[in-house]
Amino acid sequence: MEPAKRRIGVLGGTFDPPHFGHLAIAEEARCRLGLERVLVVPAGRPPHKPGKPISPAEHRVAMVELAIAGNPALILCRGDLDRRGLSYTAGLLEHLREQLGPHCDLFFIVGMDSLRDFLTWRDPDRILELARIVAVGRPGCVADLPALERAIPGAMQRITVLEGPGLEIASSDLQRRVREGLPVRYQAPDAVVEYIAAHRLYLRDSGPGS
């Protein structure tokens, strides 16, 4: 009898900065689906944010490490940062499959807003071949699942929808609040908030990463 496959979650994003919303959906998926661990993968060059300033990888990696400290099931993965070219999901998943081998099932964790836009991603069919999609609900966000199934027959057999913990936090909002001098404590881990302040991230006079 073949041993059971390892169940590995993958949570990608720019994480600029990481916040409790990211951590909550990672833990929700891990617990609900019995995942061995969740790889937290900062994006190298996200294609959906052309021209937008993104903090250097060194800052985003440091903030992810601070955010996930204390939860051994969440693991920083540099798999996307160490690859060349734009950060397309299919390429990342192919890279992880090569690294982890055939005895792993990958579960790619996204918010419902990402699932709503899934058909606009590069190679959505290939993504579904490489991993199961776990979409965690966000307040007021609905994806057209029948349309997705019509576009990619059999897609819903590879997609799991979970009700999320209801935390409506966005990295772009945290950046704006920092620029405006508003508090972001209790929206991101204290260590991340302290790192942002120490490195003067997101301020008008410095810009991301300065």
N, C-alpha and C. Protein backbone atom coordinates (compact mmCIF):
# COMPACT_ATOMS: atom_id res chain seq x y z
N MET A 1 0.84 -1.19 0.00
CA MET A 1 0.00 0.00 0.00
C MET A 1 0.88 1.25 0.00
N GLU A 2 0.59 2.19 -0.90
CA GLU A 2 1.36 3.41 -0.97
C GLU A 2 1.05 4.32 0.22
N PRO A 3 2.06 4.99 0.75
CA PRO A 3 1.80 5.92 1.86
C PRO A 3 0.92 7.07 1.41
N ALA A 4 0.15 7.60 2.35
CA ALA A 4 -0.72 8.74 2.03
C ALA A 4 0.13 9.93 1.61
N LYS A 5 -0.38 10.69 0.65
CA LYS A 5 0.34 11.86 0.19
C LYS A 5 0.32 12.96 1.26
N ARG A 6 1.40 13.70 1.33
CA ARG A 6 1.46 14.85 2.23
C ARG A 6 0.56 15.95 1.66
N ARG A 7 -0.15 16.62 2.54
CA ARG A 7 -1.05 17.69 2.14
C ARG A 7 -0.42 19.03 2.53
N ILE A 8 0.02 19.77 1.51
CA ILE A 8 0.78 20.99 1.73
C ILE A 8 0.00 22.19 1.19
N GLY A 9 -0.23 23.18 2.04
CA GLY A 9 -0.88 24.39 1.59
C GLY A 9 0.14 25.39 1.06
N VAL A 10 -0.31 26.25 0.15
CA VAL A 10 0.53 27.29 -0.43
C VAL A 10 -0.26 28.59 -0.39
N LEU A 11 0.27 29.59 0.29
CA LEU A 11 -0.36 30.91 0.34
C LEU A 11 0.61 31.92 -0.26
N GLY A 12 0.28 32.43 -1.44
CA GLY A 12 1.12 33.41 -2.09
C GLY A 12 0.58 34.81 -1.94
N GLY A 13 1.44 35.79 -2.15
CA GLY A 13 1.00 37.19 -2.07
C GLY A 13 2.21 38.10 -2.03
N THR A 14 1.97 39.40 -2.19
CA THR A 14 3.08 40.34 -2.05
C THR A 14 3.45 40.53 -0.59
N PHE A 15 2.47 40.39 0.31
CA PHE A 15 2.70 40.54 1.76
C PHE A 15 3.42 41.86 2.04
N ASP A 16 2.77 42.94 1.63
CA ASP A 16 3.38 44.27 1.71
C ASP A 16 2.43 45.25 2.39
N PRO A 17 2.14 45.07 3.70
CA PRO A 17 2.73 44.10 4.63
C PRO A 17 1.81 42.90 4.84
N PRO A 18 2.34 41.83 5.48
CA PRO A 18 1.47 40.73 5.92
C PRO A 18 0.61 41.19 7.09
N HIS A 19 -0.59 40.64 7.17
CA HIS A 19 -1.51 41.08 8.23
C HIS A 19 -2.32 39.89 8.74
N PHE A 20 -3.20 40.16 9.70
CA PHE A 20 -3.96 39.08 10.33
C PHE A 20 -4.92 38.40 9.36
N GLY A 21 -5.34 39.09 8.32
CA GLY A 21 -6.19 38.45 7.32
C GLY A 21 -5.45 37.31 6.64
N HIS A 22 -4.18 37.55 6.26
CA HIS A 22 -3.38 36.49 5.65
C HIS A 22 -3.25 35.30 6.60
N LEU A 23 -2.89 35.60 7.83
CA LEU A 23 -2.66 34.53 8.80
C LEU A 23 -3.93 33.75 9.08
N ALA A 24 -5.05 34.44 9.13
CA ALA A 24 -6.32 33.79 9.45
C ALA A 24 -6.74 32.80 8.37
N ILE A 25 -6.58 33.18 7.08
CA ILE A 25 -7.03 32.24 6.04
C ILE A 25 -6.06 31.07 5.93
N ALA A 26 -4.77 31.31 6.21
CA ALA A 26 -3.82 30.20 6.19
C ALA A 26 -4.17 29.19 7.28
N GLU A 27 -4.46 29.67 8.47
CA GLU A 27 -4.78 28.77 9.58
C GLU A 27 -6.14 28.10 9.39
N GLU A 28 -7.09 28.85 8.81
CA GLU A 28 -8.41 28.26 8.54
C GLU A 28 -8.29 27.08 7.59
N ALA A 29 -7.55 27.28 6.50
CA ALA A 29 -7.38 26.20 5.52
C ALA A 29 -6.60 25.04 6.13
N ARG A 30 -5.56 25.35 6.89
CA ARG A 30 -4.76 24.29 7.50
C ARG A 30 -5.59 23.39 8.40
N CYS A 31 -6.38 24.01 9.25
CA CYS A 31 -7.18 23.24 10.21
C CYS A 31 -8.34 22.51 9.54
N ARG A 32 -9.04 23.20 8.65
CA ARG A 32 -10.23 22.60 8.05
C ARG A 32 -9.89 21.46 7.08
N LEU A 33 -8.74 21.55 6.43
CA LEU A 33 -8.38 20.55 5.42
C LEU A 33 -7.29 19.60 5.88
N GLY A 34 -6.86 19.72 7.11
CA GLY A 34 -5.85 18.81 7.63
C GLY A 34 -4.52 18.91 6.93
N LEU A 35 -4.08 20.15 6.65
CA LEU A 35 -2.82 20.33 5.95
C LEU A 35 -1.65 20.16 6.91
N GLU A 36 -0.62 19.52 6.43
CA GLU A 36 0.58 19.32 7.25
C GLU A 36 1.25 20.64 7.58
N ARG A 37 1.32 21.52 6.59
CA ARG A 37 1.92 22.84 6.76
C ARG A 37 1.41 23.74 5.65
N VAL A 38 1.64 25.03 5.82
CA VAL A 38 1.30 26.00 4.79
C VAL A 38 2.56 26.78 4.45
N LEU A 39 2.96 26.74 3.19
CA LEU A 39 4.09 27.52 2.71
C LEU A 39 3.61 28.93 2.41
N VAL A 40 4.24 29.91 3.02
CA VAL A 40 3.89 31.32 2.81
C VAL A 40 4.92 31.87 1.82
N VAL A 41 4.45 32.25 0.62
CA VAL A 41 5.34 32.51 -0.50
C VAL A 41 5.24 33.97 -0.95
N PRO A 42 6.18 34.83 -0.54
CA PRO A 42 6.17 36.20 -1.05
C PRO A 42 6.44 36.22 -2.55
N ALA A 43 5.68 37.03 -3.27
CA ALA A 43 5.83 37.12 -4.72
C ALA A 43 7.10 37.87 -5.08
N GLY A 44 7.73 37.44 -6.16
CA GLY A 44 8.90 38.14 -6.66
C GLY A 44 8.52 39.37 -7.46
N ARG A 45 7.92 39.15 -8.63
CA ARG A 45 7.48 40.25 -9.50
C ARG A 45 6.04 40.00 -9.90
N PRO A 46 5.07 40.40 -9.07
CA PRO A 46 3.65 40.12 -9.37
C PRO A 46 3.18 40.81 -10.63
N PRO A 47 2.65 40.07 -11.61
CA PRO A 47 2.24 40.67 -12.89
C PRO A 47 1.00 41.54 -12.78
N HIS A 48 0.22 41.37 -11.70
CA HIS A 48 -1.03 42.12 -11.58
C HIS A 48 -0.82 43.49 -10.93
N LYS A 49 0.43 43.84 -10.63
CA LYS A 49 0.70 45.15 -10.01
C LYS A 49 1.77 45.91 -10.79
N PRO A 50 1.62 46.00 -12.12
CA PRO A 50 2.64 46.70 -12.91
C PRO A 50 2.67 48.19 -12.56
N GLY A 51 3.87 48.71 -12.37
CA GLY A 51 4.02 50.13 -12.11
C GLY A 51 3.75 50.55 -10.69
N LYS A 52 3.23 49.64 -9.85
CA LYS A 52 2.95 49.99 -8.47
C LYS A 52 4.20 49.73 -7.62
N PRO A 53 4.52 50.65 -6.73
CA PRO A 53 5.72 50.42 -5.89
C PRO A 53 5.50 49.27 -4.93
N ILE A 54 6.49 48.41 -4.86
CA ILE A 54 6.44 47.26 -3.96
C ILE A 54 7.71 47.29 -3.13
N SER A 55 7.58 47.06 -1.85
CA SER A 55 8.75 47.05 -0.98
C SER A 55 9.73 45.98 -1.43
N PRO A 56 11.03 46.24 -1.26
CA PRO A 56 12.04 45.24 -1.62
C PRO A 56 11.79 43.91 -0.92
N ALA A 57 12.22 42.84 -1.58
CA ALA A 57 11.97 41.50 -1.06
C ALA A 57 12.51 41.33 0.35
N GLU A 58 13.66 41.96 0.65
CA GLU A 58 14.26 41.78 1.98
C GLU A 58 13.31 42.23 3.09
N HIS A 59 12.55 43.31 2.86
CA HIS A 59 11.61 43.79 3.85
C HIS A 59 10.39 42.87 3.94
N ARG A 60 9.89 42.46 2.81
CA ARG A 60 8.69 41.61 2.82
C ARG A 60 8.98 40.25 3.43
N VAL A 61 10.16 39.70 3.14
CA VAL A 61 10.56 38.44 3.75
C VAL A 61 10.69 38.60 5.26
N ALA A 62 11.34 39.66 5.70
CA ALA A 62 11.52 39.89 7.13
C ALA A 62 10.16 40.01 7.83
N MET A 63 9.23 40.73 7.21
CA MET A 63 7.91 40.88 7.83
C MET A 63 7.14 39.57 7.88
N VAL A 64 7.26 38.75 6.83
CA VAL A 64 6.60 37.43 6.86
C VAL A 64 7.19 36.58 7.97
N GLU A 65 8.51 36.59 8.11
CA GLU A 65 9.14 35.81 9.18
C GLU A 65 8.64 36.24 10.56
N LEU A 66 8.49 37.54 10.75
CA LEU A 66 7.97 38.04 12.02
C LEU A 66 6.51 37.64 12.20
N ALA A 67 5.73 37.71 11.12
CA ALA A 67 4.29 37.43 11.21
C ALA A 67 4.00 35.98 11.57
N ILE A 68 4.80 35.05 11.03
CA ILE A 68 4.49 33.63 11.23
C ILE A 68 5.25 33.03 12.41
N ALA A 69 6.10 33.81 13.04
CA ALA A 69 6.85 33.29 14.19
C ALA A 69 5.86 32.80 15.25
N GLY A 70 6.14 31.65 15.81
CA GLY A 70 5.26 31.10 16.84
C GLY A 70 4.27 30.08 16.31
N ASN A 71 4.13 29.97 14.99
CA ASN A 71 3.27 28.94 14.41
C ASN A 71 4.14 28.06 13.52
N PRO A 72 4.61 26.92 14.03
CA PRO A 72 5.54 26.08 13.26
C PRO A 72 4.91 25.48 12.01
N ALA A 73 3.59 25.55 11.87
CA ALA A 73 2.94 25.01 10.68
C ALA A 73 2.98 25.97 9.51
N LEU A 74 3.33 27.23 9.75
CA LEU A 74 3.47 28.22 8.68
C LEU A 74 4.95 28.39 8.39
N ILE A 75 5.33 28.17 7.12
CA ILE A 75 6.74 28.13 6.73
C ILE A 75 7.00 29.15 5.63
N LEU A 76 7.98 30.01 5.83
CA LEU A 76 8.40 30.92 4.77
C LEU A 76 8.99 30.12 3.62
N CYS A 77 8.58 30.44 2.41
CA CYS A 77 9.12 29.79 1.21
C CYS A 77 9.57 30.88 0.23
N ARG A 78 10.82 30.82 -0.19
CA ARG A 78 11.38 31.79 -1.12
C ARG A 78 11.26 31.31 -2.56
N GLY A 79 10.43 30.32 -2.81
CA GLY A 79 10.35 29.70 -4.13
C GLY A 79 10.05 30.65 -5.25
N ASP A 80 9.31 31.71 -4.98
CA ASP A 80 8.97 32.66 -6.04
C ASP A 80 10.04 33.74 -6.17
N LEU A 81 10.63 34.14 -5.06
CA LEU A 81 11.64 35.18 -5.08
C LEU A 81 12.90 34.72 -5.81
N ASP A 82 13.19 33.43 -5.75
CA ASP A 82 14.42 32.91 -6.33
C ASP A 82 14.27 32.50 -7.79
N ARG A 83 13.07 32.70 -8.35
CA ARG A 83 12.86 32.38 -9.77
C ARG A 83 12.97 33.64 -10.60
N ARG A 84 13.33 33.49 -11.86
CA ARG A 84 13.42 34.62 -12.76
C ARG A 84 12.06 34.89 -13.40
N GLY A 85 11.89 36.12 -13.85
CA GLY A 85 10.67 36.46 -14.57
C GLY A 85 9.53 36.84 -13.66
N LEU A 86 8.36 37.07 -14.28
CA LEU A 86 7.18 37.47 -13.53
C LEU A 86 6.64 36.31 -12.70
N SER A 87 5.91 36.67 -11.65
CA SER A 87 5.45 35.68 -10.67
C SER A 87 4.09 35.11 -11.06
N TYR A 88 4.09 34.20 -12.01
CA TYR A 88 2.85 33.55 -12.40
C TYR A 88 2.62 32.31 -11.54
N THR A 89 1.37 32.09 -11.14
CA THR A 89 1.06 31.00 -10.21
C THR A 89 1.41 29.64 -10.77
N ALA A 90 1.13 29.41 -12.05
CA ALA A 90 1.42 28.10 -12.64
C ALA A 90 2.92 27.80 -12.55
N GLY A 91 3.75 28.79 -12.82
CA GLY A 91 5.19 28.58 -12.73
C GLY A 91 5.64 28.28 -11.31
N LEU A 92 5.06 28.99 -10.35
CA LEU A 92 5.39 28.72 -8.95
C LEU A 92 5.01 27.29 -8.56
N LEU A 93 3.82 26.87 -8.93
CA LEU A 93 3.37 25.53 -8.56
C LEU A 93 4.20 24.45 -9.23
N GLU A 94 4.62 24.68 -10.48
CA GLU A 94 5.51 23.73 -11.14
C GLU A 94 6.83 23.63 -10.38
N HIS A 95 7.35 24.78 -9.96
CA HIS A 95 8.59 24.80 -9.20
C HIS A 95 8.44 24.04 -7.88
N LEU A 96 7.34 24.26 -7.18
CA LEU A 96 7.13 23.58 -5.90
C LEU A 96 6.97 22.08 -6.09
N ARG A 97 6.30 21.68 -7.15
CA ARG A 97 6.14 20.25 -7.41
C ARG A 97 7.50 19.59 -7.65
N GLU A 98 8.37 20.27 -8.38
CA GLU A 98 9.71 19.74 -8.61
C GLU A 98 10.48 19.62 -7.30
N GLN A 99 10.31 20.62 -6.42
CA GLN A 99 11.03 20.63 -5.16
C GLN A 99 10.50 19.59 -4.18
N LEU A 100 9.19 19.43 -4.13
CA LEU A 100 8.56 18.59 -3.11
C LEU A 100 8.38 17.15 -3.55
N GLY A 101 8.39 16.91 -4.85
CA GLY A 101 8.24 15.55 -5.36
C GLY A 101 6.80 15.14 -5.54
N PRO A 102 6.59 13.93 -6.08
CA PRO A 102 5.24 13.50 -6.46
C PRO A 102 4.35 13.06 -5.30
N HIS A 103 4.91 12.95 -4.12
CA HIS A 103 4.13 12.41 -2.99
C HIS A 103 3.50 13.52 -2.15
N CYS A 104 3.21 14.66 -2.80
CA CYS A 104 2.55 15.78 -2.13
C CYS A 104 1.34 16.21 -2.93
N ASP A 105 0.28 16.54 -2.25
CA ASP A 105 -0.86 17.22 -2.84
C ASP A 105 -0.76 18.69 -2.42
N LEU A 106 -0.79 19.59 -3.41
CA LEU A 106 -0.70 21.02 -3.12
C LEU A 106 -2.10 21.63 -3.05
N PHE A 107 -2.30 22.51 -2.09
CA PHE A 107 -3.56 23.22 -1.91
C PHE A 107 -3.23 24.71 -1.96
N PHE A 108 -3.61 25.36 -3.06
CA PHE A 108 -3.29 26.77 -3.26
C PHE A 108 -4.40 27.61 -2.64
N ILE A 109 -4.06 28.38 -1.62
CA ILE A 109 -5.05 29.10 -0.80
C ILE A 109 -5.20 30.52 -1.33
N VAL A 110 -6.44 30.91 -1.61
CA VAL A 110 -6.71 32.26 -2.12
C VAL A 110 -7.93 32.83 -1.41
N GLY A 111 -8.08 34.14 -1.48
CA GLY A 111 -9.31 34.77 -1.03
C GLY A 111 -10.38 34.64 -2.11
N MET A 112 -11.62 34.81 -1.74
CA MET A 112 -12.71 34.68 -2.71
C MET A 112 -12.59 35.69 -3.84
N ASP A 113 -12.00 36.85 -3.56
CA ASP A 113 -11.83 37.84 -4.62
C ASP A 113 -10.89 37.32 -5.70
N SER A 114 -9.88 36.55 -5.32
CA SER A 114 -8.98 35.97 -6.30
C SER A 114 -9.67 34.89 -7.12
N LEU A 115 -10.51 34.08 -6.48
CA LEU A 115 -11.24 33.06 -7.22
C LEU A 115 -12.19 33.72 -8.22
N ARG A 116 -12.77 34.84 -7.85
CA ARG A 116 -13.67 35.57 -8.74
C ARG A 116 -12.97 35.95 -10.04
N ASP A 117 -11.66 36.26 -9.93
CA ASP A 117 -10.90 36.69 -11.10
C ASP A 117 -10.06 35.57 -11.70
N PHE A 118 -10.30 34.34 -11.29
CA PHE A 118 -9.41 33.23 -11.62
C PHE A 118 -9.25 33.02 -13.13
N LEU A 119 -10.30 33.21 -13.89
CA LEU A 119 -10.22 32.98 -15.33
C LEU A 119 -9.35 34.00 -16.05
N THR A 120 -9.01 35.10 -15.39
CA THR A 120 -8.13 36.09 -16.00
C THR A 120 -6.66 35.77 -15.73
N TRP A 121 -6.39 34.78 -14.88
CA TRP A 121 -5.02 34.40 -14.58
C TRP A 121 -4.39 33.68 -15.77
N ARG A 122 -3.08 33.65 -15.84
CA ARG A 122 -2.40 32.87 -16.88
C ARG A 122 -2.52 31.38 -16.57
N ASP A 123 -2.91 30.59 -17.56
CA ASP A 123 -2.97 29.13 -17.48
C ASP A 123 -3.82 28.62 -16.31
N PRO A 124 -5.08 29.05 -16.20
CA PRO A 124 -5.90 28.54 -15.09
C PRO A 124 -6.08 27.03 -15.14
N ASP A 125 -6.16 26.46 -16.36
CA ASP A 125 -6.30 25.00 -16.47
C ASP A 125 -5.09 24.30 -15.86
N ARG A 126 -3.91 24.83 -16.16
CA ARG A 126 -2.69 24.22 -15.65
C ARG A 126 -2.61 24.35 -14.12
N ILE A 127 -3.05 25.48 -13.59
CA ILE A 127 -3.06 25.67 -12.14
C ILE A 127 -3.89 24.57 -11.47
N LEU A 128 -5.05 24.29 -12.05
CA LEU A 128 -5.93 23.27 -11.47
C LEU A 128 -5.36 21.87 -11.62
N GLU A 129 -4.50 21.66 -12.61
CA GLU A 129 -3.82 20.37 -12.72
C GLU A 129 -2.78 20.21 -11.62
N LEU A 130 -2.12 21.30 -11.28
CA LEU A 130 -0.99 21.24 -10.35
C LEU A 130 -1.41 21.28 -8.89
N ALA A 131 -2.57 21.89 -8.60
CA ALA A 131 -2.96 22.05 -7.20
C ALA A 131 -4.47 22.12 -7.09
N ARG A 132 -4.94 21.83 -5.92
CA ARG A 132 -6.33 22.10 -5.58
C ARG A 132 -6.43 23.54 -5.11
N ILE A 133 -7.49 24.21 -5.47
CA ILE A 133 -7.69 25.59 -5.06
C ILE A 133 -8.57 25.62 -3.81
N VAL A 134 -8.13 26.36 -2.81
CA VAL A 134 -8.92 26.55 -1.59
C VAL A 134 -9.26 28.03 -1.52
N ALA A 135 -10.52 28.35 -1.72
CA ALA A 135 -10.98 29.75 -1.70
C ALA A 135 -11.66 30.02 -0.38
N VAL A 136 -11.14 31.00 0.35
CA VAL A 136 -11.68 31.36 1.66
C VAL A 136 -12.53 32.61 1.50
N GLY A 137 -13.78 32.54 1.93
CA GLY A 137 -14.73 33.62 1.73
C GLY A 137 -14.32 34.91 2.40
N ARG A 138 -14.67 36.03 1.73
CA ARG A 138 -14.48 37.36 2.30
C ARG A 138 -15.82 38.06 2.30
N PRO A 139 -16.08 38.94 3.27
CA PRO A 139 -17.38 39.61 3.36
C PRO A 139 -17.73 40.33 2.06
N GLY A 140 -18.93 40.05 1.55
CA GLY A 140 -19.43 40.75 0.38
C GLY A 140 -18.83 40.34 -0.93
N CYS A 141 -17.99 39.30 -0.94
CA CYS A 141 -17.32 38.89 -2.18
C CYS A 141 -17.88 37.54 -2.63
N VAL A 142 -18.34 37.49 -3.87
CA VAL A 142 -18.95 36.27 -4.42
C VAL A 142 -18.29 35.95 -5.75
N ALA A 143 -17.97 34.69 -5.98
CA ALA A 143 -17.42 34.25 -7.26
C ALA A 143 -18.50 33.50 -8.04
N ASP A 144 -18.47 33.63 -9.36
CA ASP A 144 -19.45 32.96 -10.24
C ASP A 144 -18.95 31.54 -10.50
N LEU A 145 -19.26 30.63 -9.59
CA LEU A 145 -18.76 29.27 -9.70
C LEU A 145 -19.32 28.53 -10.91
N PRO A 146 -20.62 28.68 -11.26
CA PRO A 146 -21.12 28.02 -12.47
C PRO A 146 -20.38 28.47 -13.74
N ALA A 147 -20.04 29.76 -13.82
CA ALA A 147 -19.30 30.25 -14.98
C ALA A 147 -17.91 29.63 -15.03
N LEU A 148 -17.30 29.48 -13.88
CA LEU A 148 -15.99 28.86 -13.81
C LEU A 148 -16.04 27.41 -14.27
N GLU A 149 -17.08 26.70 -13.87
CA GLU A 149 -17.24 25.31 -14.28
C GLU A 149 -17.50 25.20 -15.78
N ARG A 150 -18.26 26.14 -16.32
CA ARG A 150 -18.51 26.12 -17.77
C ARG A 150 -17.23 26.37 -18.55
N ALA A 151 -16.41 27.27 -18.05
CA ALA A 151 -15.16 27.61 -18.75
C ALA A 151 -14.14 26.49 -18.66
N ILE A 152 -14.09 25.83 -17.50
CA ILE A 152 -13.14 24.73 -17.29
C ILE A 152 -13.92 23.55 -16.72
N PRO A 153 -14.48 22.69 -17.58
CA PRO A 153 -15.28 21.56 -17.08
C PRO A 153 -14.49 20.72 -16.08
N GLY A 154 -15.13 20.43 -14.96
CA GLY A 154 -14.48 19.66 -13.91
C GLY A 154 -13.75 20.51 -12.89
N ALA A 155 -13.76 21.83 -13.08
CA ALA A 155 -13.01 22.71 -12.18
C ALA A 155 -13.47 22.57 -10.74
N MET A 156 -14.78 22.45 -10.52
CA MET A 156 -15.28 22.44 -9.15
C MET A 156 -14.86 21.20 -8.38
N GLN A 157 -14.43 20.16 -9.09
CA GLN A 157 -13.89 19.00 -8.39
C GLN A 157 -12.52 19.30 -7.79
N ARG A 158 -11.90 20.39 -8.24
CA ARG A 158 -10.56 20.76 -7.76
C ARG A 158 -10.60 22.03 -6.91
N ILE A 159 -11.79 22.52 -6.59
CA ILE A 159 -11.91 23.76 -5.83
C ILE A 159 -12.72 23.50 -4.57
N THR A 160 -12.21 23.95 -3.45
CA THR A 160 -12.92 23.88 -2.18
C THR A 160 -13.17 25.30 -1.69
N VAL A 161 -14.40 25.60 -1.33
CA VAL A 161 -14.76 26.92 -0.82
C VAL A 161 -15.00 26.80 0.68
N LEU A 162 -14.30 27.62 1.44
CA LEU A 162 -14.46 27.65 2.89
C LEU A 162 -15.01 28.99 3.33
N GLU A 163 -15.83 28.97 4.36
CA GLU A 163 -16.29 30.22 4.95
C GLU A 163 -15.15 30.78 5.80
N GLY A 164 -14.80 32.02 5.53
CA GLY A 164 -13.66 32.62 6.22
C GLY A 164 -14.02 33.18 7.58
N PRO A 165 -12.99 33.61 8.34
CA PRO A 165 -13.22 34.17 9.67
C PRO A 165 -13.76 35.60 9.66
N GLY A 166 -13.90 36.19 8.47
CA GLY A 166 -14.55 37.50 8.38
C GLY A 166 -13.68 38.70 8.67
N LEU A 167 -12.36 38.55 8.54
CA LEU A 167 -11.46 39.68 8.76
C LEU A 167 -11.28 40.43 7.44
N GLU A 168 -11.72 41.65 7.40
CA GLU A 168 -11.64 42.45 6.17
C GLU A 168 -10.48 43.42 6.31
N ILE A 169 -9.29 42.94 5.96
CA ILE A 169 -8.07 43.74 6.05
C ILE A 169 -7.35 43.64 4.71
N ALA A 170 -6.83 44.75 4.24
CA ALA A 170 -6.09 44.77 2.99
C ALA A 170 -4.75 45.47 3.20
N SER A 171 -3.71 44.92 2.58
CA SER A 171 -2.38 45.53 2.71
C SER A 171 -2.38 46.97 2.22
N SER A 172 -3.10 47.23 1.13
CA SER A 172 -3.13 48.60 0.60
C SER A 172 -3.74 49.57 1.60
N ASP A 173 -4.73 49.11 2.37
CA ASP A 173 -5.32 49.97 3.40
C ASP A 173 -4.32 50.23 4.53
N LEU A 174 -3.55 49.21 4.89
CA LEU A 174 -2.56 49.41 5.94
C LEU A 174 -1.48 50.40 5.48
N GLN A 175 -1.06 50.29 4.23
CA GLN A 175 -0.09 51.26 3.70
C GLN A 175 -0.65 52.68 3.79
N ARG A 176 -1.92 52.83 3.40
CA ARG A 176 -2.54 54.17 3.44
C ARG A 176 -2.61 54.69 4.86
N ARG A 177 -2.98 53.83 5.80
CA ARG A 177 -3.10 54.26 7.19
C ARG A 177 -1.74 54.69 7.74
N VAL A 178 -0.69 53.97 7.39
CA VAL A 178 0.65 54.37 7.84
C VAL A 178 0.99 55.75 7.28
N ARG A 179 0.72 55.96 5.99
CA ARG A 179 1.02 57.26 5.38
C ARG A 179 0.27 58.39 6.07
N GLU A 180 -0.96 58.08 6.50
CA GLU A 180 -1.80 59.11 7.12
C GLU A 180 -1.60 59.22 8.62
N GLY A 181 -0.66 58.43 9.15
CA GLY A 181 -0.39 58.50 10.58
C GLY A 181 -1.43 57.83 11.44
N LEU A 182 -2.21 56.92 10.87
CA LEU A 182 -3.25 56.21 11.61
C LEU A 182 -2.71 54.88 12.13
N PRO A 183 -3.27 54.35 13.20
CA PRO A 183 -2.75 53.11 13.77
C PRO A 183 -3.08 51.89 12.91
N VAL A 184 -2.17 50.94 12.89
CA VAL A 184 -2.42 49.66 12.23
C VAL A 184 -2.28 48.50 13.23
N ARG A 185 -2.05 48.84 14.48
CA ARG A 185 -2.00 47.80 15.51
C ARG A 185 -3.34 47.10 15.59
N TYR A 186 -3.29 45.80 15.87
CA TYR A 186 -4.46 44.91 15.91
C TYR A 186 -4.98 44.56 14.52
N GLN A 187 -4.31 45.06 13.48
CA GLN A 187 -4.61 44.60 12.12
C GLN A 187 -3.46 43.76 11.57
N ALA A 188 -2.29 43.94 12.14
CA ALA A 188 -1.11 43.15 11.81
C ALA A 188 -0.40 42.81 13.11
N PRO A 189 0.42 41.74 13.11
CA PRO A 189 1.15 41.39 14.34
C PRO A 189 2.00 42.55 14.83
N ASP A 190 2.15 42.68 16.14
CA ASP A 190 2.92 43.78 16.71
C ASP A 190 4.33 43.85 16.14
N ALA A 191 4.96 42.69 15.93
CA ALA A 191 6.33 42.69 15.41
C ALA A 191 6.40 43.28 14.01
N VAL A 192 5.36 43.05 13.20
CA VAL A 192 5.30 43.63 11.86
C VAL A 192 5.09 45.13 11.95
N VAL A 193 4.20 45.56 12.83
CA VAL A 193 3.95 47.00 13.02
C VAL A 193 5.23 47.70 13.46
N GLU A 194 5.97 47.07 14.36
CA GLU A 194 7.22 47.67 14.83
C GLU A 194 8.26 47.72 13.71
N TYR A 195 8.29 46.70 12.87
CA TYR A 195 9.24 46.68 11.75
C TYR A 195 8.92 47.80 10.76
N ILE A 196 7.64 47.99 10.46
CA ILE A 196 7.23 49.06 9.56
C ILE A 196 7.72 50.41 10.08
N ALA A 197 7.52 50.63 11.38
CA ALA A 197 7.94 51.90 11.97
C ALA A 197 9.45 52.05 11.96
N ALA A 198 10.16 50.99 12.31
CA ALA A 198 11.62 51.07 12.41
C ALA A 198 12.27 51.35 11.06
N HIS A 199 11.65 50.82 9.99
CA HIS A 199 12.24 50.98 8.65
C HIS A 199 11.52 52.05 7.82
N ARG A 200 10.60 52.75 8.47
CA ARG A 200 9.89 53.87 7.83
C ARG A 200 9.25 53.46 6.50
N LEU A 201 8.63 52.29 6.50
CA LEU A 201 7.95 51.81 5.30
C LEU A 201 6.65 52.57 5.08
N TYR A 202 6.32 52.78 3.81
CA TYR A 202 5.02 53.32 3.37
C TYR A 202 4.81 54.80 3.66
N LEU A 203 5.85 55.51 4.10
CA LEU A 203 5.69 56.93 4.38
C LEU A 203 5.81 57.73 3.09
N ARG A 204 5.12 58.86 3.05
CA ARG A 204 5.11 59.68 1.84
C ARG A 204 6.52 60.11 1.43
N ASP A 205 7.34 60.43 2.42
CA ASP A 205 8.65 60.99 2.08
C ASP A 205 9.70 59.93 1.81
N SER A 206 9.33 58.64 2.01
CA SER A 206 10.34 57.62 1.80
C SER A 206 9.95 56.63 0.73
N GLY A 207 8.62 56.35 0.61
CA GLY A 207 8.17 55.35 -0.35
C GLY A 207 8.45 53.96 0.19
N PRO A 208 7.80 52.93 -0.38
CA PRO A 208 8.01 51.57 0.07
C PRO A 208 9.46 51.16 0.00
N GLY A 209 9.93 50.60 1.09
CA GLY A 209 11.24 49.99 1.10
C GLY A 209 12.39 50.94 1.36
N SER A 210 12.16 52.23 1.52
CA SER A 210 13.29 53.14 1.73
C SER A 210 13.73 53.11 3.18
